[in-house]
C-alpha atoms as a PDB file:
ATOM      1  CA  UNK A   1     -10.635 -21.156  50.297  1.00  0.00           C
ATOM      2  CA  UNK A   2     -13.062 -23.723  49.093  1.00  0.00           C
ATOM      3  CA  UNK A   3     -15.634 -23.291  51.450  1.00  0.00           C
ATOM      4  CA  UNK A   4     -15.739 -19.667  51.490  1.00  0.00           C
ATOM      5  CA  UNK A   5     -16.353 -20.408  47.897  1.00  0.00           C
ATOM      6  CA  UNK A   6     -18.701 -23.199  48.760  1.00  0.00           C
ATOM      7  CA  UNK A   7     -20.279 -20.634  50.955  1.00  0.00           C
ATOM      8  CA  UNK A   8     -20.888 -17.808  48.017  1.00  0.00           C
ATOM      9  CA  UNK A   9     -22.515 -20.804  45.525  1.00  0.00           C
ATOM     10  CA  UNK A  10     -25.020 -21.449  47.665  1.00  0.00           C
ATOM     11  CA  UNK A  11     -25.806 -18.013  48.448  1.00  0.00           C
ATOM     12  CA  UNK A  12     -26.047 -17.600  44.836  1.00  0.00           C
ATOM     13  CA  UNK A  13     -28.773 -20.138  44.252  1.00  0.00           C
ATOM     14  CA  UNK A  14     -31.068 -18.842  47.730  1.00  0.00           C
ATOM     15  CA  UNK A  15     -31.116 -15.695  45.887  1.00  0.00           C
ATOM     16  CA  UNK A  16     -31.697 -17.273  42.180  1.00  0.00           C
ATOM     17  CA  UNK A  17     -35.245 -19.852  44.193  1.00  0.00           C
ATOM     18  CA  UNK A  18     -36.566 -16.360  45.370  1.00  0.00           C
ATOM     19  CA  UNK A  19     -40.238 -15.517  44.148  1.00  0.00           C
ATOM     20  CA  UNK A  20     -40.706 -11.969  42.281  1.00  0.00           C
ATOM     21  CA  UNK A  21     -43.534  -9.464  43.651  1.00  0.00           C
ATOM     22  CA  UNK A  22     -45.015  -6.524  42.536  1.00  0.00           C
ATOM     23  CA  UNK A  23     -43.167  -4.006  44.132  1.00  0.00           C
ATOM     24  CA  UNK A  24     -46.204  -2.152  46.359  1.00  0.00           C
ATOM     25  CA  UNK A  25     -47.004   1.539  46.445  1.00  0.00           C
ATOM     26  CA  UNK A  26     -46.416   3.236  49.632  1.00  0.00           C
ATOM     27  CA  UNK A  27     -50.635   4.106  49.150  1.00  0.00           C
ATOM     28  CA  UNK A  28     -51.451   0.557  48.373  1.00  0.00           C
ATOM     29  CA  UNK A  29     -49.709  -1.314  51.498  1.00  0.00           C
ATOM     30  CA  UNK A  30     -51.470   1.515  53.429  1.00  0.00           C
ATOM     31  CA  UNK A  31     -54.403   0.315  55.578  1.00  0.00           C
ATOM     32  CA  UNK A  32     -54.886  -2.294  53.927  1.00  0.00           C
ATOM     33  CA  UNK A  33     -55.815  -6.327  54.267  1.00  0.00           C
ATOM     34  CA  UNK A  34     -52.997  -8.133  52.688  1.00  0.00           C
ATOM     35  CA  UNK A  35     -54.443 -11.634  51.204  1.00  0.00           C
ATOM     36  CA  UNK A  36     -52.222 -14.078  49.353  1.00  0.00           C
ATOM     37  CA  UNK A  37     -53.166 -17.123  47.241  1.00  0.00           C
ATOM     38  CA  UNK A  38     -52.304 -20.822  48.648  1.00  0.00           C
ATOM     39  CA  UNK A  39     -52.560 -24.198  47.292  1.00  0.00           C
ATOM     40  CA  UNK A  40     -52.007 -22.753  43.470  1.00  0.00           C
ATOM     41  CA  UNK A  41     -49.473 -24.787  41.345  1.00  0.00           C
ATOM     42  CA  UNK A  42     -47.029 -22.544  39.036  1.00  0.00           C
ATOM     43  CA  UNK A  43     -47.894 -24.753  35.432  1.00  0.00           C
ATOM     44  CA  UNK A  44     -50.829 -23.287  33.339  1.00  0.00           C
ATOM     45  CA  UNK A  45     -52.391 -25.269  30.633  1.00  0.00           C
ATOM     46  CA  UNK A  46     -55.401 -26.895  29.733  1.00  0.00           C
ATOM     47  CA  UNK A  47     -54.553 -30.391  30.994  1.00  0.00           C
ATOM     48  CA  UNK A  48     -53.742 -28.776  34.486  1.00  0.00           C
ATOM     49  CA  UNK A  49     -55.893 -27.766  37.743  1.00  0.00           C
ATOM     50  CA  UNK A  50     -55.657 -24.196  38.116  1.00  0.00           C
ATOM     51  CA  UNK A  51     -57.298 -24.757  41.480  1.00  0.00           C
ATOM     52  CA  UNK A  52     -55.940 -22.425  44.052  1.00  0.00           C
ATOM     53  CA  UNK A  53     -57.702 -21.048  47.179  1.00  0.00           C
ATOM     54  CA  UNK A  54     -58.071 -16.934  48.395  1.00  0.00           C
ATOM     55  CA  UNK A  55     -58.481 -15.582  51.852  1.00  0.00           C
ATOM     56  CA  UNK A  56     -62.111 -17.720  52.551  1.00  0.00           C
ATOM     57  CA  UNK A  57     -62.661 -18.261  48.753  1.00  0.00           C
ATOM     58  CA  UNK A  58     -62.050 -21.406  46.786  1.00  0.00           C
ATOM     59  CA  UNK A  59     -61.176 -20.936  42.425  1.00  0.00           C
ATOM     60  CA  UNK A  60     -62.642 -24.048  40.903  1.00  0.00           C
ATOM     61  CA  UNK A  61     -63.180 -25.547  37.793  1.00  0.00           C
ATOM     62  CA  UNK A  62     -61.163 -22.932  35.832  1.00  0.00           C
ATOM     63  CA  UNK A  63     -61.482 -23.875  31.989  1.00  0.00           C
ATOM     64  CA  UNK A  64     -59.186 -22.734  29.482  1.00  0.00           C
ATOM     65  CA  UNK A  65     -62.086 -23.351  26.590  1.00  0.00           C
ATOM     66  CA  UNK A  66     -64.827 -21.735  27.833  1.00  0.00           C
ATOM     67  CA  UNK A  67     -67.173 -20.178  24.974  1.00  0.00           C
ATOM     68  CA  UNK A  68     -66.899 -16.950  25.488  1.00  0.00           C
ATOM     69  CA  UNK A  69     -69.756 -15.681  23.615  1.00  0.00           C
ATOM     70  CA  UNK A  70     -72.384 -15.243  25.428  1.00  0.00           C
ATOM     71  CA  UNK A  71     -70.295 -12.849  27.753  1.00  0.00           C
ATOM     72  CA  UNK A  72     -69.171 -11.145  24.445  1.00  0.00           C
ATOM     73  CA  UNK A  73     -72.201  -7.970  24.902  1.00  0.00           C
ATOM     74  CA  UNK A  74     -71.332  -7.621  27.894  1.00  0.00           C
ATOM     75  CA  UNK A  75     -67.797  -6.144  27.784  1.00  0.00           C
ATOM     76  CA  UNK A  76     -69.200  -4.861  24.427  1.00  0.00           C
ATOM     77  CA  UNK A  77     -66.507  -6.477  23.455  1.00  0.00           C
ATOM     78  CA  UNK A  78     -66.923  -7.116  19.138  1.00  0.00           C
ATOM     79  CA  UNK A  79     -66.869 -11.453  18.627  1.00  0.00           C
ATOM     80  CA  UNK A  80     -64.971 -11.788  15.681  1.00  0.00           C
ATOM     81  CA  UNK A  81     -62.148  -9.948  16.877  1.00  0.00           C
ATOM     82  CA  UNK A  82     -62.283 -11.727  20.781  1.00  0.00           C
ATOM     83  CA  UNK A  83     -59.863 -14.903  21.786  1.00  0.00           C
ATOM     84  CA  UNK A  84     -58.198 -16.858  24.546  1.00  0.00           C
ATOM     85  CA  UNK A  85     -61.613 -17.395  26.326  1.00  0.00           C
ATOM     86  CA  UNK A  86     -61.395 -18.766  29.932  1.00  0.00           C
ATOM     87  CA  UNK A  87     -63.612 -19.484  32.762  1.00  0.00           C
ATOM     88  CA  UNK A  88     -63.819 -20.014  36.825  1.00  0.00           C
ATOM     89  CA  UNK A  89     -66.229 -20.211  39.111  1.00  0.00           C
ATOM     90  CA  UNK A  90     -65.868 -18.463  43.160  1.00  0.00           C
ATOM     91  CA  UNK A  91     -66.957 -19.798  46.218  1.00  0.00           C
ATOM     92  CA  UNK A  92     -66.670 -19.367  49.967  1.00  0.00           C
ATOM     93  CA  UNK A  93     -67.315 -16.484  52.336  1.00  0.00           C
ATOM     94  CA  UNK A  94     -71.227 -17.019  51.481  1.00  0.00           C
ATOM     95  CA  UNK A  95     -70.491 -16.468  47.737  1.00  0.00           C
ATOM     96  CA  UNK A  96     -70.934 -18.761  44.028  1.00  0.00           C
ATOM     97  CA  UNK A  97     -69.695 -16.182  41.596  1.00  0.00           C
ATOM     98  CA  UNK A  98     -69.023 -17.186  37.574  1.00  0.00           C
ATOM     99  CA  UNK A  99     -66.336 -15.056  36.225  1.00  0.00           C
ATOM    100  CA  UNK A 100     -64.866 -15.198  32.729  1.00  0.00           C
ATOM    101  CA  UNK A 101     -62.754 -13.423  30.563  1.00  0.00           C
ATOM    102  CA  UNK A 102     -61.713 -12.636  26.427  1.00  0.00           C
ATOM    103  CA  UNK A 103     -58.926 -11.127  24.773  1.00  0.00           C
ATOM    104  CA  UNK A 104     -60.121  -8.152  22.376  1.00  0.00           C
ATOM    105  CA  UNK A 105     -57.457  -7.478  19.820  1.00  0.00           C
ATOM    106  CA  UNK A 106     -57.097  -4.510  16.669  1.00  0.00           C
ATOM    107  CA  UNK A 107     -54.805  -2.920  14.571  1.00  0.00           C
ATOM    108  CA  UNK A 108     -55.785   0.494  12.938  1.00  0.00           C
ATOM    109  CA  UNK A 109     -53.964   2.354  10.641  1.00  0.00           C
ATOM    110  CA  UNK A 110     -52.899   5.937  10.600  1.00  0.00           C
ATOM    111  CA  UNK A 111     -52.352   7.664   8.101  1.00  0.00           C
ATOM    112  CA  UNK A 112     -48.723   9.947   8.069  1.00  0.00           C
ATOM    113  CA  UNK A 113     -49.783  11.070   4.001  1.00  0.00           C
ATOM    114  CA  UNK A 114     -47.615  11.072   1.176  1.00  0.00           C
ATOM    115  CA  UNK A 115     -49.308   7.138   1.199  1.00  0.00           C
ATOM    116  CA  UNK A 116     -47.298   6.640   4.410  1.00  0.00           C
ATOM    117  CA  UNK A 117     -49.083   5.088   7.378  1.00  0.00           C
ATOM    118  CA  UNK A 118     -48.771   3.868  10.727  1.00  0.00           C
ATOM    119  CA  UNK A 119     -49.789   0.733  12.482  1.00  0.00           C
ATOM    120  CA  UNK A 120     -51.097   1.870  15.708  1.00  0.00           C
ATOM    121  CA  UNK A 121     -52.034  -2.255  17.280  1.00  0.00           C
ATOM    122  CA  UNK A 122     -54.450  -2.175  20.689  1.00  0.00           C
ATOM    123  CA  UNK A 123     -55.441  -5.206  23.227  1.00  0.00           C
ATOM    124  CA  UNK A 124     -57.342  -5.063  25.677  1.00  0.00           C
ATOM    125  CA  UNK A 125     -58.782  -8.015  27.825  1.00  0.00           C
ATOM    126  CA  UNK A 126     -62.279  -8.289  30.013  1.00  0.00           C
ATOM    127  CA  UNK A 127     -63.754 -10.333  33.124  1.00  0.00           C
ATOM    128  CA  UNK A 128     -67.484 -10.361  34.191  1.00  0.00           C
ATOM    129  CA  UNK A 129     -68.940 -11.904  37.122  1.00  0.00           C
ATOM    130  CA  UNK A 130     -71.751 -13.247  38.103  1.00  0.00           C
ATOM    131  CA  UNK A 131     -74.979 -13.673  36.838  1.00  0.00           C
ATOM    132  CA  UNK A 132     -76.060 -11.412  32.934  1.00  0.00           C
ATOM    133  CA  UNK A 133     -78.527  -9.391  34.813  1.00  0.00           C
ATOM    134  CA  UNK A 134     -76.182  -7.428  36.815  1.00  0.00           C
ATOM    135  CA  UNK A 135     -72.656  -7.763  36.092  1.00  0.00           C
ATOM    136  CA  UNK A 136     -69.733  -6.909  37.615  1.00  0.00           C
ATOM    137  CA  UNK A 137     -66.132  -6.164  35.002  1.00  0.00           C
ATOM    138  CA  UNK A 138     -63.389  -5.075  34.148  1.00  0.00           C
ATOM    139  CA  UNK A 139     -61.347  -3.468  30.999  1.00  0.00           C
ATOM    140  CA  UNK A 140     -58.228  -2.497  30.875  1.00  0.00           C
ATOM    141  CA  UNK A 141     -56.611  -2.196  27.148  1.00  0.00           C
ATOM    142  CA  UNK A 142     -53.139  -1.325  26.463  1.00  0.00           C
ATOM    143  CA  UNK A 143     -51.834  -0.263  22.788  1.00  0.00           C
ATOM    144  CA  UNK A 144     -48.475   0.091  21.082  1.00  0.00           C
ATOM    145  CA  UNK A 145     -48.420   3.748  23.303  1.00  0.00           C
ATOM    146  CA  UNK A 146     -50.042   3.207  26.417  1.00  0.00           C
ATOM    147  CA  UNK A 147     -49.378   0.989  28.890  1.00  0.00           C
ATOM    148  CA  UNK A 148     -52.722  -1.248  30.892  1.00  0.00           C
ATOM    149  CA  UNK A 149     -55.731   0.857  31.865  1.00  0.00           C
ATOM    150  CA  UNK A 150     -58.796   0.632  31.952  1.00  0.00           C
ATOM    151  CA  UNK A 151     -62.159   0.812  34.513  1.00  0.00           C
ATOM    152  CA  UNK A 152     -63.647  -1.977  37.161  1.00  0.00           C
ATOM    153  CA  UNK A 153     -67.212  -1.344  37.653  1.00  0.00           C
ATOM    154  CA  UNK A 154     -69.105  -3.041  40.677  1.00  0.00           C
ATOM    155  CA  UNK A 155     -73.100  -2.039  41.160  1.00  0.00           C
ATOM    156  CA  UNK A 156     -72.817   1.208  41.321  1.00  0.00           C
ATOM    157  CA  UNK A 157     -68.875   2.184  41.192  1.00  0.00           C
ATOM    158  CA  UNK A 158     -66.718   2.996  39.507  1.00  0.00           C
ATOM    159  CA  UNK A 159     -63.207   2.581  39.597  1.00  0.00           C
ATOM    160  CA  UNK A 160     -59.098   3.144  37.747  1.00  0.00           C
ATOM    161  CA  UNK A 161     -57.602   0.460  36.694  1.00  0.00           C
ATOM    162  CA  UNK A 162     -53.490   1.160  36.648  1.00  0.00           C
ATOM    163  CA  UNK A 163     -51.398  -1.250  35.357  1.00  0.00           C
ATOM    164  CA  UNK A 164     -47.835  -2.303  37.624  1.00  0.00           C
ATOM    165  CA  UNK A 165     -44.425  -2.939  36.172  1.00  0.00           C
ATOM    166  CA  UNK A 166     -42.087  -2.627  38.928  1.00  0.00           C
ATOM    167  CA  UNK A 167     -41.038  -5.571  40.276  1.00  0.00           C
ATOM    168  CA  UNK A 168     -37.954  -6.770  43.746  1.00  0.00           C
ATOM    169  CA  UNK A 169     -36.603  -9.669  42.467  1.00  0.00           C
ATOM    170  CA  UNK A 170     -36.275 -10.140  38.432  1.00  0.00           C
ATOM    171  CA  UNK A 171     -36.071  -7.241  36.012  1.00  0.00           C
ATOM    172  CA  UNK A 172     -39.019  -5.917  33.903  1.00  0.00           C
ATOM    173  CA  UNK A 173     -40.005  -7.997  31.053  1.00  0.00           C
ATOM    174  CA  UNK A 174     -43.311  -5.377  29.622  1.00  0.00           C
ATOM    175  CA  UNK A 175     -45.775  -7.601  31.165  1.00  0.00           C
ATOM    176  CA  UNK A 176     -47.747  -5.494  33.859  1.00  0.00           C
ATOM    177  CA  UNK A 177     -46.910  -7.497  36.962  1.00  0.00           C
ATOM    178  CA  UNK A 178     -50.751  -6.375  38.609  1.00  0.00           C
ATOM    179  CA  UNK A 179     -53.052  -3.787  38.943  1.00  0.00           C
ATOM    180  CA  UNK A 180     -54.024  -1.020  40.996  1.00  0.00           C
ATOM    181  CA  UNK A 181     -57.458   0.601  41.938  1.00  0.00           C
ATOM    182  CA  UNK A 182     -57.796   4.134  42.114  1.00  0.00           C
ATOM    183  CA  UNK A 183     -61.438   6.155  42.680  1.00  0.00           C
ATOM    184  CA  UNK A 184     -62.017   9.433  40.836  1.00  0.00           C
ATOM    185  CA  UNK A 185     -60.685  11.297  43.189  1.00  0.00           C
ATOM    186  CA  UNK A 186     -57.264   9.865  42.718  1.00  0.00           C
ATOM    187  CA  UNK A 187     -57.604   7.652  45.953  1.00  0.00           C
ATOM    188  CA  UNK A 188     -56.489   4.110  45.789  1.00  0.00           C
ATOM    189  CA  UNK A 189     -58.799   0.915  46.699  1.00  0.00           C
ATOM    190  CA  UNK A 190     -56.076  -1.694  46.390  1.00  0.00           C
ATOM    191  CA  UNK A 191     -54.210  -4.331  43.572  1.00  0.00           C
ATOM    192  CA  UNK A 192     -53.692  -7.509  42.810  1.00  0.00           C
ATOM    193  CA  UNK A 193     -49.966  -8.825  42.147  1.00  0.00           C
ATOM    194  CA  UNK A 194     -50.902 -10.913  38.967  1.00  0.00           C
ATOM    195  CA  UNK A 195     -47.277 -13.291  39.544  1.00  0.00           C
ATOM    196  CA  UNK A 196     -47.614 -16.220  40.834  1.00  0.00           C
ATOM    197  CA  UNK A 197     -48.848 -17.084  43.220  1.00  0.00           C
ATOM    198  CA  UNK A 198     -50.479 -13.821  43.524  1.00  0.00           C
ATOM    199  CA  UNK A 199     -51.707 -11.300  46.366  1.00  0.00           C
ATOM    200  CA  UNK A 200     -54.948  -8.663  46.521  1.00  0.00           C
ATOM    201  CA  UNK A 201     -54.951  -5.605  48.565  1.00  0.00           C
ATOM    202  CA  UNK A 202     -58.258  -4.378  49.886  1.00  0.00           C
ATOM    203  CA  UNK A 203     -58.791  -1.241  52.073  1.00  0.00           C
ATOM    204  CA  UNK A 204     -59.630  -2.142  55.987  1.00  0.00           C
ATOM    205  CA  UNK A 205     -63.058   0.247  55.516  1.00  0.00           C
ATOM    206  CA  UNK A 206     -64.218  -2.313  52.512  1.00  0.00           C
ATOM    207  CA  UNK A 207     -67.651  -4.181  52.667  1.00  0.00           C
ATOM    208  CA  UNK A 208     -67.572  -7.875  52.528  1.00  0.00           C
ATOM    209  CA  UNK A 209     -69.316  -8.149  50.178  1.00  0.00           C
ATOM    210  CA  UNK A 210     -67.582  -5.571  47.437  1.00  0.00           C
ATOM    211  CA  UNK A 211     -64.015  -7.148  48.760  1.00  0.00           C
ATOM    212  CA  UNK A 212     -65.225 -10.835  47.660  1.00  0.00           C
ATOM    213  CA  UNK A 213     -67.021  -9.502  43.590  1.00  0.00           C
ATOM    214  CA  UNK A 214     -64.032  -7.458  43.801  1.00  0.00           C
ATOM    215  CA  UNK A 215     -61.408 -10.688  44.542  1.00  0.00           C
ATOM    216  CA  UNK A 216     -63.442 -12.518  41.344  1.00  0.00           C
ATOM    217  CA  UNK A 217     -62.474  -9.809  38.876  1.00  0.00           C
ATOM    218  CA  UNK A 218     -58.952  -9.592  40.403  1.00  0.00           C
ATOM    219  CA  UNK A 219     -59.269 -13.762  39.986  1.00  0.00           C
ATOM    220  CA  UNK A 220     -59.947 -13.229  36.088  1.00  0.00           C
ATOM    221  CA  UNK A 221     -56.708 -11.187  35.710  1.00  0.00           C
ATOM    222  CA  UNK A 222     -54.146 -13.422  38.578  1.00  0.00           C
ATOM    223  CA  UNK A 223     -55.017 -16.380  35.575  1.00  0.00           C
ATOM    224  CA  UNK A 224     -54.581 -14.204  32.594  1.00  0.00           C
ATOM    225  CA  UNK A 225     -51.856 -15.306  30.123  1.00  0.00           C
ATOM    226  CA  UNK A 226     -49.814 -13.281  28.492  1.00  0.00           C
ATOM    227  CA  UNK A 227     -49.417 -14.236  24.984  1.00  0.00           C
ATOM    228  CA  UNK A 228     -45.788 -16.000  23.793  1.00  0.00           C
ATOM    229  CA  UNK A 229     -44.404 -13.487  21.559  1.00  0.00           C
ATOM    230  CA  UNK A 230     -41.111 -16.462  20.960  1.00  0.00           C
END
């Protein structure tokens, strides 16, 4: 009987150590290459080495105290409402890209008549990669009435970005577990998982140049730290 109880405890311990992963939509998983992040620390913060690898790419020089002033205009953010800037460098596979991200918050009040109003808070997360002349960008926005969604712009292409909240191995905490990419016609073009260590999906027919550019923006989303409300 004691041996049976020990086996139950062992099984419970093993299941408790399982890593939670984003639930991958079937249309995203179809005809895609998946690349997992490696050598990534589970810790995050100013004094943590957050370098890691993503396939042929190396992510280094993660700076949580980045001055994001130069990228405010590129993302069309308001400098007065931005915060949480961080930057990073992506190297490998013939590229070297500097990436940076920041958040913008706002609060709007809508009149309900008779002197009553209701507040609507919104938040944006934006990332940019490359130089200021030809930047590639991703901006996602959420509010108290809308889940995260937005747009990723690379070269002359525009993709719709939609948050994924489902996961395998944990209950939802209300934060995205990843984001999917779709064309304007609704065709899936990949995804990024933001749960650590993280994974990315690219269509098999996407060329290396576009993959690396989109990967730079995906990495920015992977490095985002949701605010602690407690």
